[in-house]
PDB file of N, CA and C in Angstrom:
ATOM      1  N   MET A   1      -7.839-120.993  49.616  1.00  0.00           N
ATOM      2  CA  MET A   1      -8.866-121.985  49.369  1.00  0.00           C
ATOM      3  C   MET A   1     -10.090-121.628  50.220  1.00  0.00           C
ATOM      4  N   ALA A   2     -11.268-121.766  49.669  1.00  0.00           N
ATOM      5  CA  ALA A   2     -12.498-121.437  50.384  1.00  0.00           C
ATOM      6  C   ALA A   2     -12.749-122.453  51.496  1.00  0.00           C
ATOM      7  N   ASN A   3     -13.465-122.019  52.535  1.00  0.00           N
ATOM      8  CA  ASN A   3     -13.746-122.897  53.670  1.00  0.00           C
ATOM      9  C   ASN A   3     -14.437-124.184  53.255  1.00  0.00           C
ATOM     10  N   GLU A   4     -15.382-124.109  52.325  1.00  0.00           N
ATOM     11  CA  GLU A   4     -16.110-125.308  51.900  1.00  0.00           C
ATOM     12  C   GLU A   4     -15.157-126.314  51.253  1.00  0.00           C
ATOM     13  N   GLU A   5     -14.197-125.821  50.497  1.00  0.00           N
ATOM     14  CA  GLU A   5     -13.205-126.703  49.872  1.00  0.00           C
ATOM     15  C   GLU A   5     -12.315-127.344  50.939  1.00  0.00           C
ATOM     16  N   LEU A   6     -11.938-126.569  51.940  1.00  0.00           N
ATOM     17  CA  LEU A   6     -11.111-127.091  53.019  1.00  0.00           C
ATOM     18  C   LEU A   6     -11.869-128.152  53.806  1.00  0.00           C
ATOM     19  N   LYS A   7     -13.142-127.906  54.070  1.00  0.00           N
ATOM     20  CA  LYS A   7     -13.963-128.875  54.800  1.00  0.00           C
ATOM     21  C   LYS A   7     -14.047-130.190  54.028  1.00  0.00           C
ATOM     22  N   GLN A   8     -14.268-130.089  52.733  1.00  0.00           N
ATOM     23  CA  GLN A   8     -14.369-131.302  51.918  1.00  0.00           C
ATOM     24  C   GLN A   8     -13.043-132.047  51.885  1.00  0.00           C
ATOM     25  N   LYS A   9     -11.952-131.299  51.838  1.00  0.00           N
ATOM     26  CA  LYS A   9     -10.621-131.901  51.831  1.00  0.00           C
ATOM     27  C   LYS A   9     -10.388-132.704  53.114  1.00  0.00           C
ATOM     28  N   ILE A  10     -10.805-132.150  54.258  1.00  0.00           N
ATOM     29  CA  ILE A  10     -10.657-132.847  55.542  1.00  0.00           C
ATOM     30  C   ILE A  10     -11.498-134.110  55.565  1.00  0.00           C
ATOM     31  N   VAL A  11     -12.771-134.002  55.173  1.00  0.00           N
ATOM     32  CA  VAL A  11     -13.667-135.160  55.188  1.00  0.00           C
ATOM     33  C   VAL A  11     -13.116-136.261  54.283  1.00  0.00           C
ATOM     34  N   ASP A  12     -12.687-135.898  53.083  1.00  0.00           N
ATOM     35  CA  ASP A  12     -12.147-136.886  52.140  1.00  0.00           C
ATOM     36  C   ASP A  12     -10.918-137.587  52.716  1.00  0.00           C
ATOM     37  N   GLU A  13     -10.014-136.814  53.298  1.00  0.00           N
ATOM     38  CA  GLU A  13      -8.777-137.384  53.846  1.00  0.00           C
ATOM     39  C   GLU A  13      -9.075-138.275  55.051  1.00  0.00           C
ATOM     40  N   MET A  14     -10.009-137.866  55.894  1.00  0.00           N
ATOM     41  CA  MET A  14     -10.360-138.671  57.067  1.00  0.00           C
ATOM     42  C   MET A  14     -11.021-139.982  56.647  1.00  0.00           C
ATOM     43  N   LYS A  15     -11.860-139.928  55.630  1.00  0.00           N
ATOM     44  CA  LYS A  15     -12.493-141.154  55.128  1.00  0.00           C
ATOM     45  C   LYS A  15     -11.446-142.090  54.532  1.00  0.00           C
ATOM     46  N   LYS A  16     -10.481-141.513  53.818  1.00  0.00           N
ATOM     47  CA  LYS A  16      -9.434-142.303  53.181  1.00  0.00           C
ATOM     48  C   LYS A  16      -8.600-143.046  54.223  1.00  0.00           C
ATOM     49  N   LYS A  17      -8.358-142.410  55.369  1.00  0.00           N
ATOM     50  CA  LYS A  17      -7.527-143.006  56.413  1.00  0.00           C
ATOM     51  C   LYS A  17      -8.345-143.731  57.478  1.00  0.00           C
ATOM     52  N   SER A  18      -9.660-143.827  57.296  1.00  0.00           N
ATOM     53  CA  SER A  18     -10.525-144.377  58.337  1.00  0.00           C
ATOM     54  C   SER A  18     -10.250-145.842  58.656  1.00  0.00           C
ATOM     55  N   GLY A  19      -9.637-146.575  57.739  1.00  0.00           N
ATOM     56  CA  GLY A  19      -9.311-147.970  58.014  1.00  0.00           C
ATOM     57  C   GLY A  19      -8.251-148.133  59.087  1.00  0.00           C
ATOM     58  N   SER A  20      -7.349-147.167  59.182  1.00  0.00           N
ATOM     59  CA  SER A  20      -6.257-147.282  60.137  1.00  0.00           C
ATOM     60  C   SER A  20      -6.347-146.279  61.281  1.00  0.00           C
ATOM     61  N   LYS A  21      -7.156-145.243  61.100  1.00  0.00           N
ATOM     62  CA  LYS A  21      -7.180-144.170  62.088  1.00  0.00           C
ATOM     63  C   LYS A  21      -8.581-143.569  62.141  1.00  0.00           C
ATOM     64  N   SER A  22      -9.159-143.449  63.338  1.00  0.00           N
ATOM     65  CA  SER A  22     -10.506-142.894  63.424  1.00  0.00           C
ATOM     66  C   SER A  22     -10.527-141.502  64.058  1.00  0.00           C
ATOM     67  N   LYS A  23      -9.520-141.190  64.864  1.00  0.00           N
ATOM     68  CA  LYS A  23      -9.450-139.876  65.503  1.00  0.00           C
ATOM     69  C   LYS A  23      -8.168-139.174  65.074  1.00  0.00           C
ATOM     70  N   PHE A  24      -8.293-137.864  64.903  1.00  0.00           N
ATOM     71  CA  PHE A  24      -7.166-137.069  64.420  1.00  0.00           C
ATOM     72  C   PHE A  24      -6.903-135.906  65.370  1.00  0.00           C
ATOM     73  N   TYR A  25      -5.630-135.603  65.583  1.00  0.00           N
ATOM     74  CA  TYR A  25      -5.249-134.422  66.340  1.00  0.00           C
ATOM     75  C   TYR A  25      -5.501-133.182  65.490  1.00  0.00           C
ATOM     76  N   PHE A  26      -5.643-132.041  66.159  1.00  0.00           N
ATOM     77  CA  PHE A  26      -5.829-130.780  65.444  1.00  0.00           C
ATOM     78  C   PHE A  26      -4.684-130.527  64.469  1.00  0.00           C
ATOM     79  N   ASN A  27      -3.457-130.815  64.887  1.00  0.00           N
ATOM     80  CA  ASN A  27      -2.302-130.585  64.010  1.00  0.00           C
ATOM     81  C   ASN A  27      -2.394-131.406  62.730  1.00  0.00           C
ATOM     82  N   ASP A  28      -2.965-132.620  62.820  1.00  0.00           N
ATOM     83  CA  ASP A  28      -3.165-133.440  61.621  1.00  0.00           C
ATOM     84  C   ASP A  28      -4.110-132.739  60.654  1.00  0.00           C
ATOM     85  N   LEU A  29      -5.182-132.174  61.214  1.00  0.00           N
ATOM     86  CA  LEU A  29      -6.173-131.495  60.363  1.00  0.00           C
ATOM     87  C   LEU A  29      -5.589-130.231  59.743  1.00  0.00           C
ATOM     88  N   ALA A  30      -4.818-129.486  60.517  1.00  0.00           N
ATOM     89  CA  ALA A  30      -4.187-128.271  59.986  1.00  0.00           C
ATOM     90  C   ALA A  30      -3.222-128.624  58.859  1.00  0.00           C
ATOM     91  N   LYS A  31      -2.520-129.751  59.017  1.00  0.00           N
ATOM     92  CA  LYS A  31      -1.578-130.196  57.978  1.00  0.00           C
ATOM     93  C   LYS A  31      -2.337-130.599  56.703  1.00  0.00           C
ATOM     94  N   ILE A  32      -3.475-131.280  56.868  1.00  0.00           N
ATOM     95  CA  ILE A  32      -4.291-131.666  55.716  1.00  0.00           C
ATOM     96  C   ILE A  32      -4.730-130.422  54.943  1.00  0.00           C
ATOM     97  N   MET A  33      -5.133-129.380  55.687  1.00  0.00           N
ATOM     98  CA  MET A  33      -5.603-128.140  55.052  1.00  0.00           C
ATOM     99  C   MET A  33      -4.458-127.293  54.529  1.00  0.00           C
ATOM    100  N   ASP A  34      -3.251-127.530  55.054  1.00  0.00           N
ATOM    101  CA  ASP A  34      -2.096-126.696  54.732  1.00  0.00           C
ATOM    102  C   ASP A  34      -2.384-125.230  55.071  1.00  0.00           C
ATOM    103  N   GLU A  35      -2.936-125.048  56.277  1.00  0.00           N
ATOM    104  CA  GLU A  35      -3.282-123.712  56.768  1.00  0.00           C
ATOM    105  C   GLU A  35      -2.555-123.445  58.080  1.00  0.00           C
ATOM    106  N   LYS A  36      -2.446-122.163  58.431  1.00  0.00           N
ATOM    107  CA  LYS A  36      -1.879-121.779  59.718  1.00  0.00           C
ATOM    108  C   LYS A  36      -2.886-122.148  60.809  1.00  0.00           C
ATOM    109  N   PRO A  37      -2.410-122.367  62.038  1.00  0.00           N
ATOM    110  CA  PRO A  37      -3.294-122.823  63.113  1.00  0.00           C
ATOM    111  C   PRO A  37      -4.543-121.973  63.331  1.00  0.00           C
ATOM    112  N   ARG A  38      -4.426-120.660  63.295  1.00  0.00           N
ATOM    113  CA  ARG A  38      -5.594-119.809  63.549  1.00  0.00           C
ATOM    114  C   ARG A  38      -6.665-120.013  62.484  1.00  0.00           C
ATOM    115  N   ALA A  39      -6.286-120.036  61.216  1.00  0.00           N
ATOM    116  CA  ALA A  39      -7.247-120.236  60.121  1.00  0.00           C
ATOM    117  C   ALA A  39      -7.821-121.652  60.178  1.00  0.00           C
ATOM    118  N   ALA A  40      -6.979-122.622  60.489  1.00  0.00           N
ATOM    119  CA  ALA A  40      -7.436-124.011  60.569  1.00  0.00           C
ATOM    120  C   ALA A  40      -8.424-124.183  61.718  1.00  0.00           C
ATOM    121  N   LYS A  41      -8.179-123.528  62.830  1.00  0.00           N
ATOM    122  CA  LYS A  41      -9.064-123.635  64.001  1.00  0.00           C
ATOM    123  C   LYS A  41     -10.464-123.137  63.663  1.00  0.00           C
ATOM    124  N   LYS A  42     -10.548-122.051  62.898  1.00  0.00           N
ATOM    125  CA  LYS A  42     -11.865-121.532  62.492  1.00  0.00           C
ATOM    126  C   LYS A  42     -12.631-122.571  61.684  1.00  0.00           C
ATOM    127  N   VAL A  43     -11.959-123.193  60.736  1.00  0.00           N
ATOM    128  CA  VAL A  43     -12.605-124.189  59.874  1.00  0.00           C
ATOM    129  C   VAL A  43     -13.028-125.404  60.687  1.00  0.00           C
ATOM    130  N   VAL A  44     -12.146-125.903  61.553  1.00  0.00           N
ATOM    131  CA  VAL A  44     -12.453-127.083  62.368  1.00  0.00           C
ATOM    132  C   VAL A  44     -13.630-126.781  63.303  1.00  0.00           C
ATOM    133  N   ASN A  45     -13.637-125.611  63.927  1.00  0.00           N
ATOM    134  CA  ASN A  45     -14.745-125.248  64.815  1.00  0.00           C
ATOM    135  C   ASN A  45     -16.064-125.164  64.050  1.00  0.00           C
ATOM    136  N   GLU A  46     -16.040-124.623  62.838  1.00  0.00           N
ATOM    137  CA  GLU A  46     -17.243-124.583  62.002  1.00  0.00           C
ATOM    138  C   GLU A  46     -17.735-125.994  61.716  1.00  0.00           C
ATOM    139  N   MET A  47     -16.808-126.896  61.414  1.00  0.00           N
ATOM    140  CA  MET A  47     -17.180-128.271  61.097  1.00  0.00           C
ATOM    141  C   MET A  47     -17.816-128.972  62.296  1.00  0.00           C
ATOM    142  N   VAL A  48     -17.309-128.708  63.498  1.00  0.00           N
ATOM    143  CA  VAL A  48     -17.898-129.290  64.709  1.00  0.00           C
ATOM    144  C   VAL A  48     -19.296-128.727  64.912  1.00  0.00           C
ATOM    145  N   THR A  49     -19.453-127.422  64.742  1.00  0.00           N
ATOM    146  CA  THR A  49     -20.760-126.773  64.895  1.00  0.00           C
ATOM    147  C   THR A  49     -21.770-127.315  63.894  1.00  0.00           C
ATOM    148  N   GLU A  50     -21.326-127.572  62.671  1.00  0.00           N
ATOM    149  CA  GLU A  50     -22.214-128.081  61.616  1.00  0.00           C
ATOM    150  C   GLU A  50     -22.457-129.585  61.725  1.00  0.00           C
ATOM    151  N   GLY A  51     -21.745-130.257  62.617  1.00  0.00           N
ATOM    152  CA  GLY A  51     -21.933-131.687  62.786  1.00  0.00           C
ATOM    153  C   GLY A  51     -21.130-132.536  61.807  1.00  0.00           C
ATOM    154  N   LEU A  52     -20.197-131.925  61.077  1.00  0.00           N
ATOM    155  CA  LEU A  52     -19.362-132.671  60.143  1.00  0.00           C
ATOM    156  C   LEU A  52     -18.245-133.412  60.875  1.00  0.00           C
ATOM    157  N   LEU A  53     -17.846-132.885  62.029  1.00  0.00           N
ATOM    158  CA  LEU A  53     -16.827-133.514  62.862  1.00  0.00           C
ATOM    159  C   LEU A  53     -17.356-133.620  64.287  1.00  0.00           C
ATOM    160  N   THR A  54     -16.860-134.613  65.014  1.00  0.00           N
ATOM    161  CA  THR A  54     -17.157-134.690  66.439  1.00  0.00           C
ATOM    162  C   THR A  54     -15.873-134.427  67.203  1.00  0.00           C
ATOM    163  N   TYR A  55     -16.046-133.849  68.368  1.00  0.00           N
ATOM    164  CA  TYR A  55     -14.945-133.419  69.213  1.00  0.00           C
ATOM    165  C   TYR A  55     -14.836-134.404  70.358  1.00  0.00           C
ATOM    166  N   TRP A  56     -13.646-134.855  70.666  1.00  0.00           N
ATOM    167  CA  TRP A  56     -13.418-135.774  71.771  1.00  0.00           C
ATOM    168  C   TRP A  56     -12.255-135.264  72.597  1.00  0.00           C
ATOM    169  N   SER A  57     -12.421-135.275  73.907  1.00  0.00           N
ATOM    170  CA  SER A  57     -11.350-134.818  74.783  1.00  0.00           C
ATOM    171  C   SER A  57     -11.228-135.747  75.973  1.00  0.00           C
ATOM    172  N   SER A  58      -9.992-136.063  76.333  1.00  0.00           N
ATOM    173  CA  SER A  58      -9.726-136.877  77.519  1.00  0.00           C
ATOM    174  C   SER A  58      -9.410-135.978  78.704  1.00  0.00           C
ATOM    175  N   GLY A  59      -9.398-134.695  78.480  1.00  0.00           N
ATOM    176  CA  GLY A  59      -8.994-133.747  79.508  1.00  0.00           C
ATOM    177  C   GLY A  59      -7.634-133.156  79.193  1.00  0.00           C
ATOM    178  N   SER A  60      -6.744-133.997  78.683  1.00  0.00           N
ATOM    179  CA  SER A  60      -5.413-133.504  78.318  1.00  0.00           C
ATOM    180  C   SER A  60      -5.182-133.572  76.819  1.00  0.00           C
ATOM    181  N   THR A  61      -5.970-134.387  76.142  1.00  0.00           N
ATOM    182  CA  THR A  61      -5.813-134.569  74.697  1.00  0.00           C
ATOM    183  C   THR A  61      -7.136-134.278  74.011  1.00  0.00           C
ATOM    184  N   THR A  62      -7.077-133.538  72.925  1.00  0.00           N
ATOM    185  CA  THR A  62      -8.270-133.247  72.141  1.00  0.00           C
ATOM    186  C   THR A  62      -8.092-133.850  70.762  1.00  0.00           C
ATOM    187  N   MET A  63      -9.114-134.566  70.317  1.00  0.00           N
ATOM    188  CA  MET A  63      -9.067-135.186  68.996  1.00  0.00           C
ATOM    189  C   MET A  63     -10.399-134.970  68.293  1.00  0.00           C
ATOM    190  N   TYR A  64     -10.389-135.160  66.993  1.00  0.00           N
ATOM    191  CA  TYR A  64     -11.572-134.975  66.160  1.00  0.00           C
ATOM    192  C   TYR A  64     -11.790-136.217  65.312  1.00  0.00           C
ATOM    193  N   SER A  65     -13.063-136.524  65.041  1.00  0.00           N
ATOM    194  CA  SER A  65     -13.379-137.657  64.179  1.00  0.00           C
ATOM    195  C   SER A  65     -14.645-137.361  63.395  1.00  0.00           C
ATOM    196  N   LEU A  66     -14.894-138.186  62.397  1.00  0.00           N
ATOM    197  CA  LEU A  66     -16.146-138.093  61.665  1.00  0.00           C
ATOM    198  C   LEU A  66     -17.230-138.713  62.540  1.00  0.00           C
ATOM    199  N   PRO A  67     -18.453-138.184  62.520  1.00  0.00           N
ATOM    200  CA  PRO A  67     -19.520-138.759  63.347  1.00  0.00           C
ATOM    201  C   PRO A  67     -19.713-140.242  63.035  1.00  0.00           C
ATOM    202  N   GLY A  68     -19.837-141.057  64.092  1.00  0.00           N
ATOM    203  CA  GLY A  68     -20.077-142.485  63.927  1.00  0.00           C
ATOM    204  C   GLY A  68     -18.844-143.310  63.643  1.00  0.00           C
ATOM    205  N   MET A  69     -17.665-142.715  63.695  1.00  0.00           N
ATOM    206  CA  MET A  69     -16.425-143.444  63.429  1.00  0.00           C
ATOM    207  C   MET A  69     -15.716-143.741  64.738  1.00  0.00           C
ATOM    208  N   GLY A  70     -15.006-144.835  64.779  1.00  0.00           N
ATOM    209  CA  GLY A  70     -14.171-145.138  65.928  1.00  0.00           C
ATOM    210  C   GLY A  70     -14.783-146.132  66.888  1.00  0.00           C
ATOM    211  N   LYS A  71     -13.959-146.581  67.811  1.00  0.00           N
ATOM    212  CA  LYS A  71     -14.337-147.611  68.762  1.00  0.00           C
ATOM    213  C   LYS A  71     -15.424-147.143  69.720  1.00  0.00           C
ATOM    214  N   GLN A  72     -15.440-145.873  70.076  1.00  0.00           N
ATOM    215  CA  GLN A  72     -16.399-145.393  71.050  1.00  0.00           C
ATOM    216  C   GLN A  72     -17.735-145.006  70.442  1.00  0.00           C
ATOM    217  N   ALA A  73     -17.877-145.082  69.157  1.00  0.00           N
ATOM    218  CA  ALA A  73     -19.110-144.651  68.495  1.00  0.00           C
ATOM    219  C   ALA A  73     -20.339-145.349  69.071  1.00  0.00           C
ATOM    220  N   GLY A  74     -20.264-146.656  69.246  1.00  0.00           N
ATOM    221  CA  GLY A  74     -21.399-147.395  69.785  1.00  0.00           C
ATOM    222  C   GLY A  74     -21.690-147.024  71.222  1.00  0.00           C
ATOM    223  N   ALA A  75     -20.655-146.850  72.016  1.00  0.00           N
ATOM    224  CA  ALA A  75     -20.818-146.504  73.420  1.00  0.00           C
ATOM    225  C   ALA A  75     -21.385-145.105  73.593  1.00  0.00           C
ATOM    226  N   GLU A  76     -21.114-144.229  72.648  1.00  0.00           N
ATOM    227  CA  GLU A  76     -21.589-142.851  72.724  1.00  0.00           C
ATOM    228  C   GLU A  76     -22.919-142.665  72.007  1.00  0.00           C
ATOM    229  N   GLY A  77     -23.495-143.753  71.506  1.00  0.00           N
ATOM    230  CA  GLY A  77     -24.760-143.621  70.808  1.00  0.00           C
ATOM    231  C   GLY A  77     -24.633-143.066  69.407  1.00  0.00           C
ATOM    232  N   GLU A  78     -23.440-143.179  68.814  1.00  0.00           N
ATOM    233  CA  GLU A  78     -23.219-142.649  67.474  1.00  0.00           C
ATOM    234  C   GLU A  78     -23.110-143.760  66.443  1.00  0.00           C
ATOM    235  N   GLY A  79     -23.502-144.948  66.791  1.00  0.00           N
ATOM    236  CA  GLY A  79     -23.308-146.091  65.906  1.00  0.00           C
ATOM    237  C   GLY A  79     -24.191-146.115  64.689  1.00  0.00           C
ATOM    238  N   GLY A  80     -25.106-145.168  64.559  1.00  0.00           N
ATOM    239  CA  GLY A  80     -25.966-145.111  63.386  1.00  0.00           C
ATOM    240  C   GLY A  80     -27.071-146.156  63.411  1.00  0.00           C
ATOM    241  N   GLU A  81     -27.442-146.604  64.603  1.00  0.00           N
ATOM    242  CA  GLU A  81     -28.495-147.625  64.699  1.00  0.00           C
ATOM    243  C   GLU A  81     -29.858-147.003  64.667  1.00  0.00           C
TER     244      GLU A  81
END
Protein backbone atom coordinates (compact mmCIF):
# COMPACT_ATOMS: atom_id res chain seq x y z
CA MET A 1 0.00 0.00 0.00
CA ALA A 2 1.33 3.47 -0.85
CA ASN A 3 2.32 5.82 1.98
CA GLU A 4 -0.48 8.27 1.15
CA GLU A 5 -3.05 5.47 1.45
CA LEU A 6 -1.56 4.38 4.78
CA LYS A 7 -1.64 7.95 6.08
CA GLN A 8 -5.29 8.32 5.13
CA LYS A 9 -6.10 4.98 6.74
CA ILE A 10 -4.54 6.16 10.04
CA VAL A 11 -6.34 9.52 9.98
CA ASP A 12 -9.69 7.86 9.21
CA GLU A 13 -9.28 5.27 11.97
CA MET A 14 -8.17 7.87 14.53
CA LYS A 15 -11.15 10.09 13.70
CA LYS A 16 -13.49 7.10 13.98
CA LYS A 17 -12.18 6.29 17.47
CA SER A 18 -11.84 9.91 18.60
CA GLY A 19 -14.94 9.71 20.80
CA SER A 20 -13.32 7.18 23.10
CA LYS A 21 -9.61 7.64 22.50
CA SER A 22 -7.53 10.69 21.59
CA LYS A 23 -3.97 9.36 21.85
CA PHE A 24 -2.62 6.20 20.29
CA TYR A 25 0.50 4.13 20.94
CA PHE A 26 2.83 3.44 18.03
CA ASN A 27 1.83 -0.23 18.11
CA ASP A 28 -1.81 0.80 17.60
CA LEU A 29 -0.84 2.76 14.50
CA ALA A 30 1.29 -0.08 13.13
CA LYS A 31 -1.65 -2.45 13.64
CA ILE A 32 -3.99 -0.05 11.79
CA MET A 33 -1.55 0.03 8.86
CA ASP A 34 -0.88 -3.71 9.07
CA GLU A 35 2.80 -2.96 8.50
CA LYS A 36 6.03 -4.10 10.14
CA PRO A 37 7.42 -1.69 12.76
CA ARG A 38 10.22 -0.28 10.58
CA ALA A 39 7.90 0.56 7.66
CA ALA A 40 5.23 1.89 10.03
CA LYS A 41 7.78 4.12 11.81
CA LYS A 42 8.70 5.78 8.50
CA VAL A 43 5.06 6.59 7.76
CA VAL A 44 4.33 7.85 11.29
CA ASN A 45 7.45 10.05 11.28
CA GLU A 46 6.42 11.52 7.91
CA MET A 47 2.97 12.27 9.31
CA VAL A 48 4.47 14.08 12.33
CA THR A 49 6.77 16.09 10.04
CA GLU A 50 3.83 17.03 7.79
CA GLY A 51 1.71 18.05 10.78
CA LEU A 52 -0.89 15.30 10.27
CA LEU A 53 -0.06 13.83 13.68
CA THR A 54 1.26 15.31 16.90
CA TYR A 55 3.80 13.56 19.06
CA TRP A 56 3.42 13.40 22.83
CA SER A 57 5.87 11.93 25.30
CA SER A 58 5.83 11.64 29.08
CA GLY A 59 9.45 10.56 29.08
CA SER A 60 8.64 6.87 29.34
CA THR A 61 5.59 6.68 27.08
CA THR A 62 5.23 7.99 23.55
CA MET A 63 1.83 8.53 21.99
CA TYR A 64 0.43 10.13 18.85
CA SER A 65 -2.75 12.09 18.21
CA LEU A 66 -4.44 14.18 15.58
CA PRO A 67 -3.66 17.91 16.00
CA GLY A 68 -6.17 19.60 18.32
CA MET A 69 -7.51 16.35 19.78
CA GLY A 70 -7.46 15.32 23.41
CA LYS A 71 -7.63 16.84 26.85
CA GLN A 72 -4.32 18.68 26.59
CA ALA A 73 -5.11 20.39 23.29
CA GLY A 74 -6.29 23.59 24.97
CA ALA A 75 -3.39 23.67 27.40
CA GLU A 76 -0.90 23.20 24.57
CA GLY A 77 -2.45 25.91 22.43
CA GLU A 78 -3.87 23.42 19.94
CA GLY A 79 -7.52 24.09 20.65
CA GLY A 80 -8.11 25.69 17.27
CA GLU A 81 -9.07 29.05 18.74
